[in-house]
Amino acid sequence: MRKRNWHKYNRELVQRGSINFLIDDNFLNSLSKKKKHCGPGRPTTYPLALIKVLLLLKIYYRLPYRGLEGFSKWVFSKLDDSVNIPTYSLICKRMLSIKEELPKLSRRRPQVIILDASGMKVMGEGEWKVKIHGKSKRRQWIKLHIAIDERTQEIVGQVSSEAYASDSKLAKPLINQVKGSVKKVLADGAYDTRNLRDFLHEKGIEGLISLPKNACYRGVNDMRDKHFLEMLALGGVEKGRSLWGKLSGYSRRALVETTFSRIKRLFGDRLFSKSFPKQALENHLRCALINLMPRG
């Protein structure tokens, strides 16, 4: 069992509630420095860094745009009176302009990563109403695909897609986002496709990917056949999968489920944005916030 420094961990959880978690002195000093305007047109009144921090505050505290404007004006009036806060409508309009200011997810170079995807609700009724009375309106989701470092559980790659997108097809851009040389990939049965396994073989990456209950031996002597024979020796594909997961290390894949649980518990399972480009940007900011927080 992993040892934890509970005093340090509790202190980090308390610090997470402080407004300085997102707004520090370095950020305030950068806003006070006026940059020279070059080129035609009116100079930008509100820098992109300010818009980015306001959007992080909105996601972190689950604020509506109008509430974000009022909250930000009060907070910055206590921290720095010289900072002007844009209106709620301008924050919404300039959301897509912060792409060049997006925080990097991670600088780590993990050797073992875990892949998975989960749905983020865009519109529709709550789960309780649907359970009790049934659904009466259209519900819609988009998918968030992530790759996490198996050792630190830090998100090292993320991609947003439509709800019907295949998990295995989005695995390649996820792996390509990871810096360094990945040695092993853990993923569930949704990633058990020939194209992905060929891609991993070309990259020299070991793929610990679960097999379906009706899996069969293909006779091509690849990694999939090796895992099939191992499960078969442990009592069959269906019964031996659990023991194989513990012996091979595949059971560590559950860590990515924990990451999705943290995202949805902290920020909710519903996105506030209405267009797909903004939804993808919102997912990126959520992942960046999760990486700033201590992992339980």
C-alpha atoms as a PDB file:
ATOM      1  CA  MET A   1       0.000   0.000   0.000  1.00  0.00           C
ATOM      2  CA  ARG A   2       1.275   3.459  -0.885  1.00  0.00           C
ATOM      3  CA  LYS A   3       2.359   5.648   2.022  1.00  0.00           C
ATOM      4  CA  ARG A   4       0.861   9.125   2.135  1.00  0.00           C
ATOM      5  CA  ASN A   5       2.019  12.271   3.883  1.00  0.00           C
ATOM      6  CA  TRP A   6      -1.402  13.175   5.285  1.00  0.00           C
ATOM      7  CA  HIS A   7      -0.283  16.526   6.684  1.00  0.00           C
ATOM      8  CA  LYS A   8       0.958  17.678   3.261  1.00  0.00           C
ATOM      9  CA  TYR A   9      -2.067  16.192   1.492  1.00  0.00           C
ATOM     10  CA  ASN A  10      -4.552  17.965   3.797  1.00  0.00           C
ATOM     11  CA  ARG A  11      -2.672  21.248   3.409  1.00  0.00           C
ATOM     12  CA  GLU A  12      -2.926  20.950  -0.390  1.00  0.00           C
ATOM     13  CA  LEU A  13      -6.669  20.286  -0.171  1.00  0.00           C
ATOM     14  CA  VAL A  14      -7.135  23.381   1.998  1.00  0.00           C
ATOM     15  CA  GLN A  15      -5.036  25.469  -0.410  1.00  0.00           C
ATOM     16  CA  ARG A  16      -7.283  24.336  -3.255  1.00  0.00           C
ATOM     17  CA  GLY A  17     -10.093  26.410  -1.744  1.00  0.00           C
ATOM     18  CA  SER A  18      -7.997  29.589  -1.776  1.00  0.00           C
ATOM     19  CA  ILE A  19      -8.461  32.073  -4.600  1.00  0.00           C
ATOM     20  CA  ASN A  20      -4.649  32.145  -4.889  1.00  0.00           C
ATOM     21  CA  PHE A  21      -4.910  28.634  -6.288  1.00  0.00           C
ATOM     22  CA  LEU A  22      -5.632  30.231  -9.687  1.00  0.00           C
ATOM     23  CA  ILE A  23      -4.645  33.885  -9.184  1.00  0.00           C
ATOM     24  CA  ASP A  24      -1.123  34.466  -7.890  1.00  0.00           C
ATOM     25  CA  ASP A  25       1.195  37.486  -7.657  1.00  0.00           C
ATOM     26  CA  ASN A  26       3.037  36.609 -10.881  1.00  0.00           C
ATOM     27  CA  PHE A  27      -0.245  36.710 -12.815  1.00  0.00           C
ATOM     28  CA  LEU A  28      -1.219  40.085 -11.317  1.00  0.00           C
ATOM     29  CA  ASN A  29       2.216  41.519 -12.122  1.00  0.00           C
ATOM     30  CA  SER A  30       1.923  40.347 -15.739  1.00  0.00           C
ATOM     31  CA  LEU A  31      -1.408  42.165 -16.079  1.00  0.00           C
ATOM     32  CA  SER A  32       0.040  45.416 -14.740  1.00  0.00           C
ATOM     33  CA  LYS A  33       2.722  45.468 -17.449  1.00  0.00           C
ATOM     34  CA  LYS A  34       1.342  47.188 -20.532  1.00  0.00           C
ATOM     35  CA  LYS A  35       2.461  45.600 -23.778  1.00  0.00           C
ATOM     36  CA  LYS A  36       3.247  47.729 -26.803  1.00  0.00           C
ATOM     37  CA  HIS A  37       0.601  47.622 -29.498  1.00  0.00           C
ATOM     38  CA  CYS A  38       1.922  46.743 -32.937  1.00  0.00           C
ATOM     39  CA  GLY A  39      -0.133  46.654 -36.106  1.00  0.00           C
ATOM     40  CA  PRO A  40      -3.370  48.199 -37.246  1.00  0.00           C
ATOM     41  CA  GLY A  41      -6.623  48.265 -35.311  1.00  0.00           C
ATOM     42  CA  ARG A  42      -7.623  49.107 -31.796  1.00  0.00           C
ATOM     43  CA  PRO A  43      -5.349  47.734 -29.039  1.00  0.00           C
ATOM     44  CA  THR A  44      -6.756  44.856 -26.980  1.00  0.00           C
ATOM     45  CA  THR A  45      -8.099  46.085 -23.669  1.00  0.00           C
ATOM     46  CA  TYR A  46      -8.298  42.694 -22.000  1.00  0.00           C
ATOM     47  CA  PRO A  47      -5.279  40.369 -22.436  1.00  0.00           C
ATOM     48  CA  LEU A  48      -5.772  36.725 -23.323  1.00  0.00           C
ATOM     49  CA  ALA A  49      -4.200  35.651 -20.029  1.00  0.00           C
ATOM     50  CA  LEU A  50      -7.016  37.413 -18.168  1.00  0.00           C
ATOM     51  CA  ILE A  51      -9.701  35.735 -20.292  1.00  0.00           C
ATOM     52  CA  LYS A  52      -8.072  32.360 -19.642  1.00  0.00           C
ATOM     53  CA  VAL A  53      -8.039  32.845 -15.858  1.00  0.00           C
ATOM     54  CA  LEU A  54     -11.664  34.012 -15.882  1.00  0.00           C
ATOM     55  CA  LEU A  55     -12.693  30.863 -17.745  1.00  0.00           C
ATOM     56  CA  LEU A  56     -10.747  28.735 -15.267  1.00  0.00           C
ATOM     57  CA  LEU A  57     -12.616  30.469 -12.439  1.00  0.00           C
ATOM     58  CA  LYS A  58     -15.908  29.779 -14.199  1.00  0.00           C
ATOM     59  CA  ILE A  59     -15.157  26.066 -14.531  1.00  0.00           C
ATOM     60  CA  TYR A  60     -13.618  25.725 -11.072  1.00  0.00           C
ATOM     61  CA  TYR A  61     -16.490  27.393  -9.201  1.00  0.00           C
ATOM     62  CA  ARG A  62     -19.240  26.371 -11.685  1.00  0.00           C
ATOM     63  CA  LEU A  63     -20.339  29.960 -12.238  1.00  0.00           C
ATOM     64  CA  PRO A  64     -22.737  31.223 -14.937  1.00  0.00           C
ATOM     65  CA  TYR A  65     -21.296  33.982 -17.127  1.00  0.00           C
ATOM     66  CA  ARG A  66     -23.148  36.783 -15.342  1.00  0.00           C
ATOM     67  CA  GLY A  67     -22.170  35.384 -11.962  1.00  0.00           C
ATOM     68  CA  LEU A  68     -18.563  35.128 -13.189  1.00  0.00           C
ATOM     69  CA  GLU A  69     -18.511  38.829 -14.036  1.00  0.00           C
ATOM     70  CA  GLY A  70     -19.781  39.846 -10.596  1.00  0.00           C
ATOM     71  CA  PHE A  71     -17.519  37.395  -8.767  1.00  0.00           C
ATOM     72  CA  SER A  72     -14.422  38.481 -10.733  1.00  0.00           C
ATOM     73  CA  LYS A  73     -15.060  42.196 -10.202  1.00  0.00           C
ATOM     74  CA  TRP A  74     -15.284  41.685  -6.438  1.00  0.00           C
ATOM     75  CA  VAL A  75     -12.202  39.446  -6.268  1.00  0.00           C
ATOM     76  CA  PHE A  76      -9.959  41.684  -8.391  1.00  0.00           C
ATOM     77  CA  SER A  77     -11.122  44.797  -6.517  1.00  0.00           C
ATOM     78  CA  LYS A  78      -9.581  43.233  -3.401  1.00  0.00           C
ATOM     79  CA  LEU A  79      -6.413  42.044  -5.163  1.00  0.00           C
ATOM     80  CA  ASP A  80      -5.642  44.796  -7.694  1.00  0.00           C
ATOM     81  CA  ASP A  81      -7.910  47.779  -8.410  1.00  0.00           C
ATOM     82  CA  SER A  82      -6.097  48.534 -11.676  1.00  0.00           C
ATOM     83  CA  VAL A  83      -7.380  45.358 -13.389  1.00  0.00           C
ATOM     84  CA  ASN A  84     -10.447  45.897 -15.567  1.00  0.00           C
ATOM     85  CA  ILE A  85     -12.876  42.979 -15.883  1.00  0.00           C
ATOM     86  CA  PRO A  86     -14.720  42.425 -19.203  1.00  0.00           C
ATOM     87  CA  THR A  87     -18.456  41.911 -19.373  1.00  0.00           C
ATOM     88  CA  TYR A  88     -19.934  38.422 -19.352  1.00  0.00           C
ATOM     89  CA  SER A  89     -20.821  38.648 -23.054  1.00  0.00           C
ATOM     90  CA  LEU A  90     -17.264  39.606 -24.022  1.00  0.00           C
ATOM     91  CA  ILE A  91     -15.808  36.701 -22.014  1.00  0.00           C
ATOM     92  CA  CYS A  92     -18.091  34.337 -23.933  1.00  0.00           C
ATOM     93  CA  LYS A  93     -17.185  35.867 -27.306  1.00  0.00           C
ATOM     94  CA  ARG A  94     -13.443  35.725 -26.682  1.00  0.00           C
ATOM     95  CA  MET A  95     -13.405  32.171 -25.371  1.00  0.00           C
ATOM     96  CA  LEU A  96     -11.999  30.657 -28.567  1.00  0.00           C
ATOM     97  CA  SER A  97      -9.297  33.336 -28.822  1.00  0.00           C
ATOM     98  CA  ILE A  98      -7.329  31.888 -25.881  1.00  0.00           C
ATOM     99  CA  LYS A  99      -6.093  28.850 -27.822  1.00  0.00           C
ATOM    100  CA  GLU A 100      -2.580  30.304 -27.906  1.00  0.00           C
ATOM    101  CA  GLU A 101      -2.735  30.810 -24.125  1.00  0.00           C
ATOM    102  CA  LEU A 102      -3.955  27.304 -23.293  1.00  0.00           C
ATOM    103  CA  PRO A 103      -1.988  25.775 -20.423  1.00  0.00           C
ATOM    104  CA  LYS A 104       0.083  22.727 -21.296  1.00  0.00           C
ATOM    105  CA  LEU A 105      -1.304  19.593 -19.753  1.00  0.00           C
ATOM    106  CA  SER A 106       1.989  18.043 -18.714  1.00  0.00           C
ATOM    107  CA  ARG A 107       5.734  18.045 -19.329  1.00  0.00           C
ATOM    108  CA  ARG A 108       6.190  14.489 -18.117  1.00  0.00           C
ATOM    109  CA  ARG A 109       7.624  11.739 -20.285  1.00  0.00           C
ATOM    110  CA  PRO A 110       5.769   8.653 -19.026  1.00  0.00           C
ATOM    111  CA  GLN A 111       6.730   5.161 -20.086  1.00  0.00           C
ATOM    112  CA  VAL A 112       3.342   3.632 -19.210  1.00  0.00           C
ATOM    113  CA  ILE A 113       0.086   5.375 -20.108  1.00  0.00           C
ATOM    114  CA  ILE A 114      -3.574   4.434 -19.687  1.00  0.00           C
ATOM    115  CA  LEU A 115      -6.230   5.301 -22.273  1.00  0.00           C
ATOM    116  CA  ASP A 116      -9.977   5.655 -21.886  1.00  0.00           C
ATOM    117  CA  ALA A 117     -12.969   7.777 -22.940  1.00  0.00           C
ATOM    118  CA  SER A 118     -16.150   8.979 -21.259  1.00  0.00           C
ATOM    119  CA  GLY A 119     -19.198  11.000 -22.223  1.00  0.00           C
ATOM    120  CA  MET A 120     -19.737  14.624 -21.189  1.00  0.00           C
ATOM    121  CA  LYS A 121     -23.358  15.749 -21.348  1.00  0.00           C
ATOM    122  CA  VAL A 122     -24.141  18.709 -23.581  1.00  0.00           C
ATOM    123  CA  MET A 123     -27.905  18.884 -23.250  1.00  0.00           C
ATOM    124  CA  GLY A 124     -30.740  16.831 -21.805  1.00  0.00           C
ATOM    125  CA  GLU A 125     -32.523  15.950 -18.604  1.00  0.00           C
ATOM    126  CA  GLY A 126     -30.981  14.794 -15.336  1.00  0.00           C
ATOM    127  CA  GLU A 127     -30.452  11.132 -14.531  1.00  0.00           C
ATOM    128  CA  TRP A 128     -32.949  11.161 -11.626  1.00  0.00           C
ATOM    129  CA  LYS A 129     -35.799  12.490 -13.758  1.00  0.00           C
ATOM    130  CA  VAL A 130     -35.061   9.924 -16.485  1.00  0.00           C
ATOM    131  CA  LYS A 131     -34.923   7.094 -13.936  1.00  0.00           C
ATOM    132  CA  ILE A 132     -38.261   8.011 -12.310  1.00  0.00           C
ATOM    133  CA  HIS A 133     -40.321   9.332 -15.243  1.00  0.00           C
ATOM    134  CA  GLY A 134     -38.354   8.272 -18.316  1.00  0.00           C
ATOM    135  CA  LYS A 135     -36.786  10.568 -20.880  1.00  0.00           C
ATOM    136  CA  SER A 136     -39.041  12.987 -22.723  1.00  0.00           C
ATOM    137  CA  LYS A 137     -36.440  15.233 -24.363  1.00  0.00           C
ATOM    138  CA  ARG A 138     -33.424  14.629 -26.545  1.00  0.00           C
ATOM    139  CA  ARG A 139     -30.156  14.089 -24.712  1.00  0.00           C
ATOM    140  CA  GLN A 140     -26.733  14.684 -26.224  1.00  0.00           C
ATOM    141  CA  TRP A 141     -23.119  13.974 -25.224  1.00  0.00           C
ATOM    142  CA  ILE A 142     -19.624  14.438 -26.588  1.00  0.00           C
ATOM    143  CA  LYS A 143     -16.673  12.178 -25.779  1.00  0.00           C
ATOM    144  CA  LEU A 144     -13.563  13.133 -23.872  1.00  0.00           C
ATOM    145  CA  HIS A 145     -10.594  10.843 -24.587  1.00  0.00           C
ATOM    146  CA  ILE A 146      -7.651  11.050 -22.196  1.00  0.00           C
ATOM    147  CA  ALA A 147      -4.256   9.462 -21.609  1.00  0.00           C
ATOM    148  CA  ILE A 148      -2.849   9.462 -18.073  1.00  0.00           C
ATOM    149  CA  ASP A 149       0.566   8.682 -16.650  1.00  0.00           C
ATOM    150  CA  GLU A 150       0.244   5.333 -14.887  1.00  0.00           C
ATOM    151  CA  ARG A 151       2.685   6.368 -12.128  1.00  0.00           C
ATOM    152  CA  THR A 152       1.468   9.895 -11.263  1.00  0.00           C
ATOM    153  CA  GLN A 153      -2.102   9.706 -12.679  1.00  0.00           C
ATOM    154  CA  GLU A 154      -1.491  13.038 -14.429  1.00  0.00           C
ATOM    155  CA  ILE A 155      -3.336  13.687 -17.687  1.00  0.00           C
ATOM    156  CA  VAL A 156      -0.739  13.793 -20.473  1.00  0.00           C
ATOM    157  CA  GLY A 157      -3.075  13.884 -23.488  1.00  0.00           C
ATOM    158  CA  GLN A 158      -6.683  14.704 -24.297  1.00  0.00           C
ATOM    159  CA  VAL A 159      -8.916  14.781 -27.379  1.00  0.00           C
ATOM    160  CA  SER A 160     -12.617  15.652 -27.705  1.00  0.00           C
ATOM    161  CA  SER A 161     -14.850  14.009 -30.297  1.00  0.00           C
ATOM    162  CA  GLU A 162     -18.442  13.396 -31.237  1.00  0.00           C
ATOM    163  CA  ALA A 163     -20.304  10.807 -29.172  1.00  0.00           C
ATOM    164  CA  TYR A 164     -20.226   8.170 -31.922  1.00  0.00           C
ATOM    165  CA  ALA A 165     -16.441   8.372 -32.510  1.00  0.00           C
ATOM    166  CA  SER A 166     -14.487   5.140 -32.075  1.00  0.00           C
ATOM    167  CA  ASP A 167     -12.195   4.984 -29.061  1.00  0.00           C
ATOM    168  CA  SER A 168      -9.522   3.057 -30.960  1.00  0.00           C
ATOM    169  CA  LYS A 169      -9.310   5.645 -33.762  1.00  0.00           C
ATOM    170  CA  LEU A 170      -8.678   8.442 -31.252  1.00  0.00           C
ATOM    171  CA  ALA A 171      -5.941   6.441 -29.516  1.00  0.00           C
ATOM    172  CA  LYS A 172      -3.304   7.398 -32.113  1.00  0.00           C
ATOM    173  CA  PRO A 173      -3.545  11.196 -31.622  1.00  0.00           C
ATOM    174  CA  LEU A 174      -3.566  10.618 -27.848  1.00  0.00           C
ATOM    175  CA  ILE A 175      -0.353   8.601 -27.956  1.00  0.00           C
ATOM    176  CA  ASN A 176       1.267  11.121 -30.315  1.00  0.00           C
ATOM    177  CA  GLN A 177       0.583  13.918 -27.799  1.00  0.00           C
ATOM    178  CA  VAL A 178       2.698  12.193 -25.149  1.00  0.00           C
ATOM    179  CA  LYS A 179       6.293  13.384 -24.989  1.00  0.00           C
ATOM    180  CA  GLY A 180       9.112  10.895 -24.906  1.00  0.00           C
ATOM    181  CA  SER A 181       9.005   7.218 -25.766  1.00  0.00           C
ATOM    182  CA  VAL A 182       6.010   5.286 -24.444  1.00  0.00           C
ATOM    183  CA  LYS A 183       6.825   1.666 -23.603  1.00  0.00           C
ATOM    184  CA  LYS A 184       3.414   0.320 -22.611  1.00  0.00           C
ATOM    185  CA  VAL A 185      -0.253   1.219 -23.144  1.00  0.00           C
ATOM    186  CA  LEU A 186      -3.137  -0.025 -20.993  1.00  0.00           C
ATOM    187  CA  ALA A 187      -6.664   0.090 -22.442  1.00  0.00           C
ATOM    188  CA  ASP A 188      -9.993  -1.731 -22.258  1.00  0.00           C
ATOM    189  CA  GLY A 189     -11.660  -3.914 -24.885  1.00  0.00           C
ATOM    190  CA  ALA A 190     -12.884  -0.921 -26.922  1.00  0.00           C
ATOM    191  CA  TYR A 191      -9.283  -0.530 -28.145  1.00  0.00           C
ATOM    192  CA  ASP A 192      -8.962  -4.151 -29.283  1.00  0.00           C
ATOM    193  CA  THR A 193      -8.659  -3.501 -33.034  1.00  0.00           C
ATOM    194  CA  ARG A 194      -6.132  -4.722 -35.571  1.00  0.00           C
ATOM    195  CA  ASN A 195      -5.262  -1.197 -36.759  1.00  0.00           C
ATOM    196  CA  LEU A 196      -4.391   0.018 -33.262  1.00  0.00           C
ATOM    197  CA  ARG A 197      -2.403  -3.113 -32.444  1.00  0.00           C
ATOM    198  CA  ASP A 198      -0.448  -2.718 -35.701  1.00  0.00           C
ATOM    199  CA  PHE A 199       0.219   0.927 -34.811  1.00  0.00           C
ATOM    200  CA  LEU A 200       1.524  -0.066 -31.366  1.00  0.00           C
ATOM    201  CA  HIS A 201       3.700  -2.789 -32.912  1.00  0.00           C
ATOM    202  CA  GLU A 202       5.238  -0.290 -35.361  1.00  0.00           C
ATOM    203  CA  LYS A 203       6.004   2.090 -32.493  1.00  0.00           C
ATOM    204  CA  GLY A 204       7.512  -0.693 -30.392  1.00  0.00           C
ATOM    205  CA  ILE A 205       4.867  -0.244 -27.677  1.00  0.00           C
ATOM    206  CA  GLU A 206       3.497  -3.124 -25.634  1.00  0.00           C
ATOM    207  CA  GLY A 207      -0.290  -3.071 -25.599  1.00  0.00           C
ATOM    208  CA  LEU A 208      -2.048  -4.460 -22.520  1.00  0.00           C
ATOM    209  CA  ILE A 209      -5.538  -4.473 -24.002  1.00  0.00           C
ATOM    210  CA  SER A 210      -8.413  -6.540 -22.650  1.00  0.00           C
ATOM    211  CA  LEU A 211     -10.052  -9.181 -24.847  1.00  0.00           C
ATOM    212  CA  PRO A 212     -13.789  -9.807 -25.327  1.00  0.00           C
ATOM    213  CA  LYS A 213     -15.419 -12.909 -23.843  1.00  0.00           C
ATOM    214  CA  ASN A 214     -15.767 -14.508 -27.294  1.00  0.00           C
ATOM    215  CA  ALA A 215     -12.134 -13.887 -28.292  1.00  0.00           C
ATOM    216  CA  CYS A 216     -10.408 -16.643 -30.272  1.00  0.00           C
ATOM    217  CA  TYR A 217      -6.849 -17.610 -31.120  1.00  0.00           C
ATOM    218  CA  ARG A 218      -5.800 -16.058 -34.454  1.00  0.00           C
ATOM    219  CA  GLY A 219      -2.576 -17.975 -34.926  1.00  0.00           C
ATOM    220  CA  VAL A 220      -0.451 -14.980 -35.927  1.00  0.00           C
ATOM    221  CA  ASN A 221       1.757 -15.200 -32.822  1.00  0.00           C
ATOM    222  CA  ASP A 222       1.322 -11.545 -31.871  1.00  0.00           C
ATOM    223  CA  MET A 223       0.820  -9.871 -28.491  1.00  0.00           C
ATOM    224  CA  ARG A 224      -2.925 -10.468 -28.635  1.00  0.00           C
ATOM    225  CA  ASP A 225      -2.470 -14.224 -29.109  1.00  0.00           C
ATOM    226  CA  LYS A 226       0.041 -14.251 -26.257  1.00  0.00           C
ATOM    227  CA  HIS A 227      -2.462 -12.614 -23.899  1.00  0.00           C
ATOM    228  CA  PHE A 228      -5.185 -14.979 -25.113  1.00  0.00           C
ATOM    229  CA  LEU A 229      -3.072 -18.038 -24.255  1.00  0.00           C
ATOM    230  CA  GLU A 230      -2.206 -16.572 -20.849  1.00  0.00           C
ATOM    231  CA  MET A 231      -5.899 -16.056 -20.029  1.00  0.00           C
ATOM    232  CA  LEU A 232      -6.681 -19.537 -21.329  1.00  0.00           C
ATOM    233  CA  ALA A 233      -4.076 -21.055 -19.040  1.00  0.00           C
ATOM    234  CA  LEU A 234      -5.560 -19.205 -16.064  1.00  0.00           C
ATOM    235  CA  GLY A 235      -9.043 -20.714 -16.540  1.00  0.00           C
ATOM    236  CA  GLY A 236     -10.345 -19.335 -19.819  1.00  0.00           C
ATOM    237  CA  VAL A 237     -10.791 -15.866 -21.314  1.00  0.00           C
ATOM    238  CA  GLU A 238     -13.885 -15.086 -19.252  1.00  0.00           C
ATOM    239  CA  LYS A 239     -12.771 -16.546 -15.906  1.00  0.00           C
ATOM    240  CA  GLY A 240      -9.034 -15.935 -16.221  1.00  0.00           C
ATOM    241  CA  ARG A 241      -9.271 -12.264 -17.233  1.00  0.00           C
ATOM    242  CA  SER A 242      -9.357 -10.976 -13.646  1.00  0.00           C
ATOM    243  CA  LEU A 243      -6.340 -13.006 -12.522  1.00  0.00           C
ATOM    244  CA  TRP A 244      -4.481 -12.128 -15.734  1.00  0.00           C
ATOM    245  CA  GLY A 245      -5.130  -8.455 -15.038  1.00  0.00           C
ATOM    246  CA  LYS A 246      -3.534  -8.693 -11.585  1.00  0.00           C
ATOM    247  CA  LEU A 247      -0.529 -10.681 -12.781  1.00  0.00           C
ATOM    248  CA  SER A 248       0.156  -8.579 -15.899  1.00  0.00           C
ATOM    249  CA  GLY A 249      -0.542  -5.176 -14.357  1.00  0.00           C
ATOM    250  CA  TYR A 250      -3.627  -4.558 -16.485  1.00  0.00           C
ATOM    251  CA  SER A 251      -5.698  -3.982 -13.334  1.00  0.00           C
ATOM    252  CA  ARG A 252      -3.950  -0.596 -13.016  1.00  0.00           C
ATOM    253  CA  ARG A 253      -6.219   0.535 -15.851  1.00  0.00           C
ATOM    254  CA  ALA A 254      -8.846   1.340 -13.197  1.00  0.00           C
ATOM    255  CA  LEU A 255      -6.830   4.480 -12.375  1.00  0.00           C
ATOM    256  CA  VAL A 256      -8.182   6.220 -15.474  1.00  0.00           C
ATOM    257  CA  GLU A 257     -11.726   5.580 -14.235  1.00  0.00           C
ATOM    258  CA  THR A 258     -10.759   7.384 -11.039  1.00  0.00           C
ATOM    259  CA  THR A 259      -9.557  10.347 -13.104  1.00  0.00           C
ATOM    260  CA  PHE A 260     -12.897  10.625 -14.905  1.00  0.00           C
ATOM    261  CA  SER A 261     -14.674  10.352 -11.565  1.00  0.00           C
ATOM    262  CA  ARG A 262     -12.641  13.292 -10.233  1.00  0.00           C
ATOM    263  CA  ILE A 263     -13.415  15.411 -13.300  1.00  0.00           C
ATOM    264  CA  LYS A 264     -17.162  14.835 -13.046  1.00  0.00           C
ATOM    265  CA  ARG A 265     -17.378  15.173  -9.268  1.00  0.00           C
ATOM    266  CA  LEU A 266     -15.421  18.445  -9.210  1.00  0.00           C
ATOM    267  CA  PHE A 267     -16.744  20.145 -12.359  1.00  0.00           C
ATOM    268  CA  GLY A 268     -19.968  18.234 -13.100  1.00  0.00           C
ATOM    269  CA  ASP A 269     -20.758  15.913 -15.995  1.00  0.00           C
ATOM    270  CA  ARG A 270     -22.420  18.666 -18.074  1.00  0.00           C
ATOM    271  CA  LEU A 271     -20.554  21.176 -20.264  1.00  0.00           C
ATOM    272  CA  PHE A 272     -21.713  24.799 -20.308  1.00  0.00           C
ATOM    273  CA  SER A 273     -20.585  25.478 -23.893  1.00  0.00           C
ATOM    274  CA  LYS A 274     -22.971  24.990 -26.824  1.00  0.00           C
ATOM    275  CA  SER A 275     -20.650  24.724 -29.836  1.00  0.00           C
ATOM    276  CA  PHE A 276     -18.184  21.868 -30.324  1.00  0.00           C
ATOM    277  CA  PRO A 277     -14.997  24.041 -30.590  1.00  0.00           C
ATOM    278  CA  LYS A 278     -15.834  25.666 -27.243  1.00  0.00           C
ATOM    279  CA  GLN A 279     -16.707  22.308 -25.706  1.00  0.00           C
ATOM    280  CA  ALA A 280     -13.316  20.926 -26.763  1.00  0.00           C
ATOM    281  CA  LEU A 281     -11.582  23.962 -25.242  1.00  0.00           C
ATOM    282  CA  GLU A 282     -13.593  23.557 -22.036  1.00  0.00           C
ATOM    283  CA  ASN A 283     -12.489  19.922 -21.780  1.00  0.00           C
ATOM    284  CA  HIS A 284      -8.859  21.008 -22.171  1.00  0.00           C
ATOM    285  CA  LEU A 285      -9.215  23.528 -19.333  1.00  0.00           C
ATOM    286  CA  ARG A 286     -10.846  20.894 -17.127  1.00  0.00           C
ATOM    287  CA  CYS A 287      -7.933  18.529 -17.676  1.00  0.00           C
ATOM    288  CA  ALA A 288      -5.440  21.325 -16.940  1.00  0.00           C
ATOM    289  CA  LEU A 289      -7.231  22.097 -13.650  1.00  0.00           C
ATOM    290  CA  ILE A 290      -7.245  18.436 -12.620  1.00  0.00           C
ATOM    291  CA  ASN A 291      -3.474  18.295 -13.097  1.00  0.00           C
ATOM    292  CA  LEU A 292      -3.047  21.212 -10.673  1.00  0.00           C
ATOM    293  CA  MET A 293      -4.793  19.327  -7.883  1.00  0.00           C
ATOM    294  CA  PRO A 294      -3.309  16.681  -5.592  1.00  0.00           C
ATOM    295  CA  ARG A 295      -4.288  13.164  -6.543  1.00  0.00           C
ATOM    296  CA  GLY A 296      -6.020  11.066  -3.939  1.00  0.00           C
END
